[in-house]
C-alpha cells in the first residue's frame, strides 16, 4: 500500500510522452488523468511484492513453474474507473490483491498466468479505479548440452 499524489506536471509529462496532447491534460490546473496514467503506480508502489505472496508461489509451484522475475512477461492491463476520473491535486491510496494463478500450456511449455488487481482509493475511502493485470511466468526450458 502506498500513497500516490496525482500531480498536474506529471499528468502533462505523461500526456506529452504518450502523444495524448488533449488541451484538458495540458492546460487545466485540475487536469483529469489520461486513463493509462495509473500505470505510473510503479513509481509509488512495489507491485512485484504480489509475486512473493505464499499463494502466488504455491500456485506457481503446483504447476511446476518457478516465480522468477527474470522470466516474467507483462501480458495485459485493463483499467476500470468508478465514477469520475481522478484529477490533479488528488491523492489516492493503492491496494494490491491477488486474483488467481493458473496454468497455460503453450508451444514452448507451461506458464503460470498471475492475475492481480491494483486498487486506487481516494481520501474519502471511495474506490475510484482498478487496474487488472495479467502477467506470466515462463517455465524454465532445459537447453541440451
N, C-alpha and C. Protein backbone atom coordinates (compact mmCIF):
# COMPACT_ATOMS: atom_id res chain seq x y z
N UNK A 1 0.85 -1.17 0.00
CA UNK A 1 0.00 0.00 0.00
C UNK A 1 0.89 1.23 0.00
N UNK A 2 0.50 2.21 -0.81
CA UNK A 2 1.26 3.44 -0.91
C UNK A 2 0.32 4.61 -1.19
N UNK A 3 0.77 5.79 -0.84
CA UNK A 3 0.03 6.99 -1.23
C UNK A 3 0.60 7.49 -2.54
N UNK A 4 -0.29 7.83 -3.45
CA UNK A 4 0.11 8.26 -4.79
C UNK A 4 -0.52 9.61 -5.09
N UNK A 5 0.26 10.70 -5.00
CA UNK A 5 -0.29 12.01 -5.33
C UNK A 5 -0.43 12.16 -6.84
N UNK A 6 -1.54 12.73 -7.26
CA UNK A 6 -1.77 12.97 -8.69
C UNK A 6 -1.32 14.41 -8.97
N UNK A 7 -0.20 14.56 -9.61
CA UNK A 7 0.41 15.87 -9.82
C UNK A 7 0.15 16.38 -11.24
N UNK A 8 -0.22 17.65 -11.34
CA UNK A 8 -0.52 18.25 -12.65
C UNK A 8 0.66 18.13 -13.61
N UNK A 9 1.86 18.42 -13.13
CA UNK A 9 3.04 18.34 -14.00
C UNK A 9 3.27 16.94 -14.53
N UNK A 10 3.00 15.95 -13.71
CA UNK A 10 3.20 14.56 -14.14
C UNK A 10 2.13 14.15 -15.16
N UNK A 11 0.91 14.67 -14.99
CA UNK A 11 -0.13 14.40 -15.99
C UNK A 11 0.31 14.98 -17.33
N UNK A 12 0.81 16.20 -17.30
CA UNK A 12 1.28 16.88 -18.52
C UNK A 12 2.43 16.10 -19.17
N UNK A 13 3.42 15.70 -18.37
CA UNK A 13 4.54 14.91 -18.89
C UNK A 13 4.07 13.60 -19.51
N UNK A 14 3.16 12.92 -18.82
CA UNK A 14 2.64 11.65 -19.31
C UNK A 14 1.89 11.84 -20.63
N UNK A 15 1.07 12.90 -20.68
CA UNK A 15 0.32 13.18 -21.91
C UNK A 15 1.27 13.45 -23.07
N UNK A 16 2.31 14.23 -22.84
CA UNK A 16 3.29 14.51 -23.89
C UNK A 16 4.01 13.23 -24.33
N UNK A 17 4.41 12.42 -23.36
CA UNK A 17 5.16 11.20 -23.66
C UNK A 17 4.34 10.18 -24.44
N UNK A 18 3.02 10.19 -24.23
CA UNK A 18 2.16 9.20 -24.89
C UNK A 18 1.42 9.78 -26.09
N UNK A 19 1.66 11.05 -26.39
CA UNK A 19 1.01 11.67 -27.55
C UNK A 19 -0.44 12.03 -27.30
N UNK A 20 -0.85 12.07 -26.04
CA UNK A 20 -2.24 12.41 -25.69
C UNK A 20 -2.30 13.89 -25.33
N UNK A 21 -2.06 14.75 -26.29
CA UNK A 21 -1.91 16.18 -26.02
C UNK A 21 -3.24 16.93 -26.04
N UNK A 22 -4.27 16.32 -25.52
CA UNK A 22 -5.58 16.96 -25.38
C UNK A 22 -5.43 18.18 -24.46
N UNK A 23 -6.11 19.27 -24.78
CA UNK A 23 -5.99 20.52 -24.02
C UNK A 23 -6.26 20.32 -22.53
N UNK A 24 -7.20 19.45 -22.17
CA UNK A 24 -7.50 19.22 -20.75
C UNK A 24 -6.27 18.72 -19.99
N UNK A 25 -5.48 17.88 -20.63
CA UNK A 25 -4.30 17.34 -19.97
C UNK A 25 -3.17 18.38 -19.89
N UNK A 26 -3.14 19.28 -20.85
CA UNK A 26 -2.02 20.21 -20.97
C UNK A 26 -2.22 21.51 -20.19
N UNK A 27 -3.45 22.03 -20.15
CA UNK A 27 -3.67 23.39 -19.66
C UNK A 27 -4.50 23.50 -18.38
N UNK A 28 -5.27 22.50 -18.07
CA UNK A 28 -6.20 22.57 -16.94
C UNK A 28 -5.43 22.37 -15.62
N UNK A 29 -5.59 23.29 -14.67
CA UNK A 29 -4.89 23.16 -13.39
C UNK A 29 -5.40 21.99 -12.56
N UNK A 30 -6.62 21.55 -12.83
CA UNK A 30 -7.14 20.34 -12.16
C UNK A 30 -7.40 19.27 -13.21
N UNK A 31 -6.38 19.05 -14.05
CA UNK A 31 -6.49 18.13 -15.18
C UNK A 31 -6.92 16.74 -14.77
N UNK A 32 -7.78 16.11 -15.58
CA UNK A 32 -8.10 14.69 -15.34
C UNK A 32 -6.90 13.85 -15.78
N UNK A 33 -6.81 12.65 -15.24
CA UNK A 33 -5.72 11.77 -15.66
C UNK A 33 -6.07 11.10 -16.98
N UNK A 34 -5.10 10.95 -17.88
CA UNK A 34 -5.34 10.07 -19.03
C UNK A 34 -5.58 8.66 -18.46
N UNK A 35 -6.47 7.88 -19.04
CA UNK A 35 -6.82 6.58 -18.46
C UNK A 35 -5.65 5.68 -18.12
N UNK A 36 -4.61 5.65 -18.95
CA UNK A 36 -3.49 4.76 -18.66
C UNK A 36 -2.45 5.39 -17.75
N UNK A 37 -2.68 6.61 -17.30
CA UNK A 37 -1.77 7.29 -16.37
C UNK A 37 -1.54 6.47 -15.10
N UNK A 38 -2.53 5.70 -14.71
CA UNK A 38 -2.41 4.92 -13.48
C UNK A 38 -1.32 3.87 -13.54
N UNK A 39 -0.79 3.60 -14.73
CA UNK A 39 0.34 2.66 -14.83
C UNK A 39 1.57 3.23 -14.14
N UNK A 40 1.59 4.54 -13.88
CA UNK A 40 2.72 5.14 -13.17
C UNK A 40 2.75 4.74 -11.70
N UNK A 41 1.78 3.94 -11.27
CA UNK A 41 1.77 3.43 -9.90
C UNK A 41 3.08 2.73 -9.56
N UNK A 42 3.77 2.21 -10.56
CA UNK A 42 5.02 1.50 -10.31
C UNK A 42 6.09 2.41 -9.72
N UNK A 43 5.93 3.74 -9.83
CA UNK A 43 6.87 4.68 -9.21
C UNK A 43 6.53 4.92 -7.74
N UNK A 44 5.37 4.47 -7.31
CA UNK A 44 4.90 4.72 -5.94
C UNK A 44 4.78 3.44 -5.12
N UNK A 45 4.47 2.32 -5.75
CA UNK A 45 4.21 1.08 -5.03
C UNK A 45 4.97 -0.06 -5.71
N UNK A 46 5.53 -0.95 -4.91
CA UNK A 46 6.27 -2.09 -5.44
C UNK A 46 5.29 -3.23 -5.75
N UNK A 47 4.84 -3.28 -6.99
CA UNK A 47 3.85 -4.29 -7.38
C UNK A 47 4.44 -5.69 -7.42
N UNK A 48 5.76 -5.79 -7.51
CA UNK A 48 6.38 -7.12 -7.58
C UNK A 48 6.18 -7.91 -6.29
N UNK A 49 5.76 -7.24 -5.21
CA UNK A 49 5.53 -7.99 -3.96
C UNK A 49 4.39 -8.99 -4.11
N UNK A 50 3.52 -8.81 -5.12
CA UNK A 50 2.44 -9.77 -5.36
C UNK A 50 3.02 -11.15 -5.69
N UNK A 51 4.21 -11.16 -6.30
CA UNK A 51 4.82 -12.42 -6.72
C UNK A 51 5.50 -13.15 -5.57
N UNK A 52 5.68 -12.47 -4.44
CA UNK A 52 6.29 -13.09 -3.27
C UNK A 52 5.26 -13.63 -2.28
N UNK A 53 3.98 -13.41 -2.56
CA UNK A 53 2.95 -13.93 -1.66
C UNK A 53 2.99 -15.45 -1.64
N UNK A 54 2.76 -16.05 -0.48
CA UNK A 54 2.74 -17.52 -0.41
C UNK A 54 1.74 -18.14 -1.40
N UNK A 55 0.59 -17.48 -1.59
CA UNK A 55 -0.42 -18.01 -2.52
C UNK A 55 0.09 -18.00 -3.97
N UNK A 56 0.83 -16.96 -4.34
CA UNK A 56 1.39 -16.90 -5.69
C UNK A 56 2.43 -17.98 -5.88
N UNK A 57 3.35 -18.08 -4.91
CA UNK A 57 4.41 -19.10 -5.00
C UNK A 57 3.83 -20.51 -5.04
N UNK A 58 2.84 -20.78 -4.19
CA UNK A 58 2.22 -22.11 -4.16
C UNK A 58 1.51 -22.41 -5.47
N UNK A 59 0.80 -21.42 -6.01
CA UNK A 59 0.10 -21.62 -7.28
C UNK A 59 1.05 -21.92 -8.42
N UNK A 60 2.18 -21.21 -8.44
CA UNK A 60 3.18 -21.46 -9.49
C UNK A 60 3.83 -22.83 -9.31
N UNK A 61 4.22 -23.12 -8.08
CA UNK A 61 4.90 -24.39 -7.82
C UNK A 61 3.99 -25.58 -8.09
N UNK A 62 2.68 -25.42 -7.88
CA UNK A 62 1.73 -26.51 -8.13
C UNK A 62 1.70 -26.91 -9.59
N UNK A 63 2.06 -25.98 -10.46
CA UNK A 63 2.07 -26.30 -11.89
C UNK A 63 3.49 -26.40 -12.44
N UNK A 64 4.47 -26.40 -11.54
CA UNK A 64 5.86 -26.63 -11.95
C UNK A 64 6.57 -25.43 -12.52
N UNK A 65 6.13 -24.23 -12.14
CA UNK A 65 6.77 -23.01 -12.64
C UNK A 65 7.35 -22.25 -11.46
N UNK A 66 8.61 -21.88 -11.57
CA UNK A 66 9.26 -21.11 -10.51
C UNK A 66 8.98 -19.62 -10.76
N UNK A 67 8.43 -18.91 -9.76
CA UNK A 67 8.15 -17.48 -9.95
C UNK A 67 9.43 -16.64 -9.88
N UNK A 68 10.12 -16.57 -11.01
CA UNK A 68 11.39 -15.85 -11.13
C UNK A 68 11.14 -14.62 -12.00
N UNK A 69 11.34 -13.42 -11.45
CA UNK A 69 11.01 -12.20 -12.21
C UNK A 69 11.84 -12.05 -13.49
N UNK A 70 12.93 -12.79 -13.60
CA UNK A 70 13.70 -12.76 -14.85
C UNK A 70 12.95 -13.48 -15.98
N UNK A 71 11.92 -14.26 -15.62
CA UNK A 71 11.14 -15.00 -16.60
C UNK A 71 9.69 -14.50 -16.62
N UNK A 72 9.51 -13.24 -16.26
CA UNK A 72 8.17 -12.66 -16.16
C UNK A 72 7.83 -11.84 -17.40
N UNK A 73 6.64 -12.05 -17.90
CA UNK A 73 6.11 -11.26 -19.01
C UNK A 73 4.89 -10.50 -18.53
N UNK A 74 4.78 -9.25 -18.92
CA UNK A 74 3.56 -8.49 -18.66
C UNK A 74 2.67 -8.67 -19.89
N UNK A 75 1.48 -9.22 -19.70
CA UNK A 75 0.62 -9.55 -20.82
C UNK A 75 -0.49 -8.53 -21.06
N UNK A 76 -1.11 -8.06 -19.98
CA UNK A 76 -2.31 -7.24 -20.18
C UNK A 76 -2.55 -6.35 -18.96
N UNK A 77 -3.08 -5.16 -19.23
CA UNK A 77 -3.57 -4.26 -18.19
C UNK A 77 -4.93 -3.75 -18.64
N UNK A 78 -5.88 -3.79 -17.74
CA UNK A 78 -7.22 -3.29 -18.03
C UNK A 78 -7.61 -2.33 -16.91
N UNK A 79 -8.06 -1.14 -17.29
CA UNK A 79 -8.41 -0.11 -16.32
C UNK A 79 -9.92 -0.01 -16.18
N UNK A 80 -10.36 0.09 -14.94
CA UNK A 80 -11.78 0.22 -14.65
C UNK A 80 -11.93 1.42 -13.71
N UNK A 81 -12.77 2.38 -14.12
CA UNK A 81 -12.97 3.59 -13.31
C UNK A 81 -14.34 3.54 -12.66
N UNK A 82 -14.39 3.99 -11.43
CA UNK A 82 -15.63 4.03 -10.67
C UNK A 82 -15.95 5.49 -10.42
N UNK A 83 -16.91 6.01 -11.17
CA UNK A 83 -17.25 7.43 -11.03
C UNK A 83 -16.33 8.29 -11.87
N UNK A 84 -16.13 9.49 -11.40
CA UNK A 84 -15.35 10.50 -12.12
C UNK A 84 -13.87 10.11 -12.17
N UNK A 85 -13.21 10.50 -13.28
CA UNK A 85 -11.77 10.27 -13.38
C UNK A 85 -11.04 11.01 -12.27
N UNK A 86 -9.90 10.50 -11.89
CA UNK A 86 -9.05 11.20 -10.93
C UNK A 86 -8.51 12.47 -11.57
N UNK A 87 -8.22 13.46 -10.74
CA UNK A 87 -7.74 14.76 -11.22
C UNK A 87 -6.48 15.18 -10.48
N UNK A 88 -5.75 16.10 -11.10
CA UNK A 88 -4.58 16.70 -10.46
C UNK A 88 -5.01 17.29 -9.12
N UNK A 89 -4.16 17.11 -8.13
CA UNK A 89 -4.44 17.62 -6.80
C UNK A 89 -5.00 16.57 -5.86
N UNK A 90 -5.46 15.45 -6.39
CA UNK A 90 -5.97 14.38 -5.54
C UNK A 90 -4.82 13.45 -5.15
N UNK A 91 -5.01 12.74 -4.06
CA UNK A 91 -4.08 11.70 -3.63
C UNK A 91 -4.88 10.43 -3.43
N UNK A 92 -4.37 9.35 -3.95
CA UNK A 92 -5.05 8.06 -3.77
C UNK A 92 -4.13 7.12 -2.99
N UNK A 93 -4.77 6.15 -2.36
CA UNK A 93 -4.05 5.09 -1.68
C UNK A 93 -4.20 3.84 -2.53
N UNK A 94 -3.09 3.17 -2.76
CA UNK A 94 -3.12 1.96 -3.58
C UNK A 94 -3.32 0.73 -2.71
N UNK A 95 -3.89 -0.28 -3.29
CA UNK A 95 -4.04 -1.59 -2.66
C UNK A 95 -3.68 -2.64 -3.69
N UNK A 96 -3.34 -3.81 -3.24
CA UNK A 96 -2.89 -4.87 -4.14
C UNK A 96 -3.56 -6.16 -3.74
N UNK A 97 -4.12 -6.87 -4.72
CA UNK A 97 -4.86 -8.11 -4.44
C UNK A 97 -4.55 -9.15 -5.51
N UNK A 98 -4.21 -10.36 -5.07
CA UNK A 98 -4.03 -11.48 -5.98
C UNK A 98 -5.40 -12.01 -6.38
N UNK A 99 -5.64 -12.16 -7.67
CA UNK A 99 -6.92 -12.69 -8.14
C UNK A 99 -6.84 -14.17 -8.47
N UNK A 100 -5.78 -14.59 -9.16
CA UNK A 100 -5.66 -16.01 -9.48
C UNK A 100 -4.27 -16.34 -10.02
N UNK A 101 -3.95 -17.62 -9.93
CA UNK A 101 -2.77 -18.19 -10.57
C UNK A 101 -3.26 -19.43 -11.29
N UNK A 102 -3.00 -19.50 -12.58
CA UNK A 102 -3.45 -20.68 -13.33
C UNK A 102 -2.42 -21.07 -14.38
N UNK A 103 -2.49 -22.29 -14.81
CA UNK A 103 -1.56 -22.81 -15.79
C UNK A 103 -2.09 -22.59 -17.20
N UNK A 104 -1.15 -22.27 -18.09
CA UNK A 104 -1.46 -22.21 -19.51
C UNK A 104 -0.33 -22.92 -20.23
N UNK A 105 -0.71 -23.78 -21.17
CA UNK A 105 0.30 -24.51 -21.94
C UNK A 105 0.43 -23.86 -23.30
N UNK A 106 1.67 -23.62 -23.68
CA UNK A 106 1.96 -23.03 -24.98
C UNK A 106 2.91 -23.90 -25.76
N UNK A 107 3.31 -23.42 -26.93
CA UNK A 107 4.22 -24.17 -27.79
C UNK A 107 5.56 -24.46 -27.11
N UNK A 108 6.00 -23.51 -26.28
CA UNK A 108 7.31 -23.68 -25.65
C UNK A 108 7.21 -24.18 -24.21
N UNK A 109 6.05 -24.68 -23.83
CA UNK A 109 5.91 -25.25 -22.49
C UNK A 109 4.86 -24.55 -21.66
N UNK A 110 4.90 -24.81 -20.37
CA UNK A 110 3.92 -24.25 -19.44
C UNK A 110 4.29 -22.85 -19.00
N UNK A 111 3.27 -22.13 -18.62
CA UNK A 111 3.48 -20.84 -17.97
C UNK A 111 2.42 -20.69 -16.91
N UNK A 112 2.74 -19.86 -15.93
CA UNK A 112 1.78 -19.55 -14.87
C UNK A 112 1.24 -18.15 -15.14
N UNK A 113 -0.08 -18.06 -15.35
CA UNK A 113 -0.70 -16.75 -15.50
C UNK A 113 -1.05 -16.24 -14.11
N UNK A 114 -0.55 -15.10 -13.77
CA UNK A 114 -0.83 -14.47 -12.48
C UNK A 114 -1.68 -13.24 -12.75
N UNK A 115 -2.88 -13.27 -12.21
CA UNK A 115 -3.80 -12.14 -12.37
C UNK A 115 -3.91 -11.44 -11.02
N UNK A 116 -3.74 -10.11 -11.05
CA UNK A 116 -3.85 -9.35 -9.81
C UNK A 116 -4.44 -7.98 -10.11
N UNK A 117 -4.90 -7.32 -9.06
CA UNK A 117 -5.57 -6.04 -9.20
C UNK A 117 -4.91 -5.01 -8.28
N UNK A 118 -4.71 -3.82 -8.83
CA UNK A 118 -4.28 -2.68 -8.03
C UNK A 118 -5.50 -1.78 -7.89
N UNK A 119 -5.83 -1.41 -6.66
CA UNK A 119 -6.97 -0.54 -6.41
C UNK A 119 -6.46 0.86 -6.06
N UNK A 120 -7.28 1.85 -6.38
CA UNK A 120 -6.96 3.26 -6.12
C UNK A 120 -8.14 3.86 -5.35
N UNK A 121 -7.91 4.21 -4.09
CA UNK A 121 -8.96 4.71 -3.21
C UNK A 121 -8.65 6.14 -2.83
N UNK A 122 -9.66 7.02 -2.87
CA UNK A 122 -9.44 8.43 -2.55
C UNK A 122 -9.44 8.67 -1.04
N UNK A 123 -9.21 9.92 -0.65
CA UNK A 123 -9.08 10.24 0.78
C UNK A 123 -10.40 10.06 1.54
N UNK A 124 -11.53 9.99 0.83
CA UNK A 124 -12.82 9.74 1.47
C UNK A 124 -13.10 8.24 1.60
N UNK A 125 -12.15 7.42 1.15
CA UNK A 125 -12.32 5.97 1.24
C UNK A 125 -13.10 5.36 0.09
N UNK A 126 -13.35 6.15 -0.95
CA UNK A 126 -14.10 5.66 -2.11
C UNK A 126 -13.17 5.02 -3.13
N UNK A 127 -13.54 3.84 -3.61
CA UNK A 127 -12.79 3.19 -4.68
C UNK A 127 -13.01 3.99 -5.95
N UNK A 128 -11.94 4.50 -6.54
CA UNK A 128 -12.04 5.34 -7.73
C UNK A 128 -11.62 4.63 -9.00
N UNK A 129 -10.70 3.68 -8.88
CA UNK A 129 -10.23 2.98 -10.08
C UNK A 129 -9.58 1.66 -9.68
N UNK A 130 -9.52 0.77 -10.67
CA UNK A 130 -8.83 -0.51 -10.51
C UNK A 130 -8.04 -0.76 -11.79
N UNK A 131 -6.91 -1.38 -11.62
CA UNK A 131 -6.15 -1.85 -12.78
C UNK A 131 -5.98 -3.35 -12.62
N UNK A 132 -6.49 -4.08 -13.59
CA UNK A 132 -6.40 -5.55 -13.59
C UNK A 132 -5.22 -5.95 -14.46
N UNK A 133 -4.26 -6.59 -13.86
CA UNK A 133 -3.04 -7.01 -14.55
C UNK A 133 -3.06 -8.51 -14.81
N UNK A 134 -2.49 -8.91 -15.93
CA UNK A 134 -2.20 -10.31 -16.20
C UNK A 134 -0.73 -10.40 -16.56
N UNK A 135 0.01 -11.19 -15.80
CA UNK A 135 1.42 -11.43 -16.06
C UNK A 135 1.63 -12.93 -16.17
N UNK A 136 2.76 -13.33 -16.73
CA UNK A 136 3.04 -14.75 -16.90
C UNK A 136 4.48 -15.05 -16.54
N UNK A 137 4.66 -16.13 -15.79
CA UNK A 137 5.99 -16.68 -15.55
C UNK A 137 6.16 -17.84 -16.51
N UNK A 138 7.22 -17.79 -17.29
CA UNK A 138 7.51 -18.89 -18.22
C UNK A 138 8.27 -19.98 -17.48
N UNK A 139 7.97 -21.21 -17.84
CA UNK A 139 8.71 -22.34 -17.27
C UNK A 139 10.13 -22.31 -17.83
N UNK A 140 11.08 -22.67 -17.00
CA UNK A 140 12.46 -22.75 -17.47
C UNK A 140 12.57 -23.86 -18.50
N UNK A 141 13.26 -23.58 -19.57
CA UNK A 141 13.45 -24.56 -20.63
C UNK A 141 14.84 -25.15 -20.52
N UNK A 142 14.91 -26.46 -20.45
CA UNK A 142 16.21 -27.13 -20.39
C UNK A 142 16.87 -27.06 -21.77
N UNK A 143 18.09 -26.57 -21.82
CA UNK A 143 18.84 -26.49 -23.07
C UNK A 143 19.77 -27.68 -23.14
N UNK A 144 19.63 -28.48 -24.22
CA UNK A 144 20.51 -29.66 -24.34
C UNK A 144 21.98 -29.25 -24.40
N UNK A 145 22.84 -30.04 -23.78
CA UNK A 145 24.28 -29.73 -23.75
C UNK A 145 24.93 -30.08 -25.07
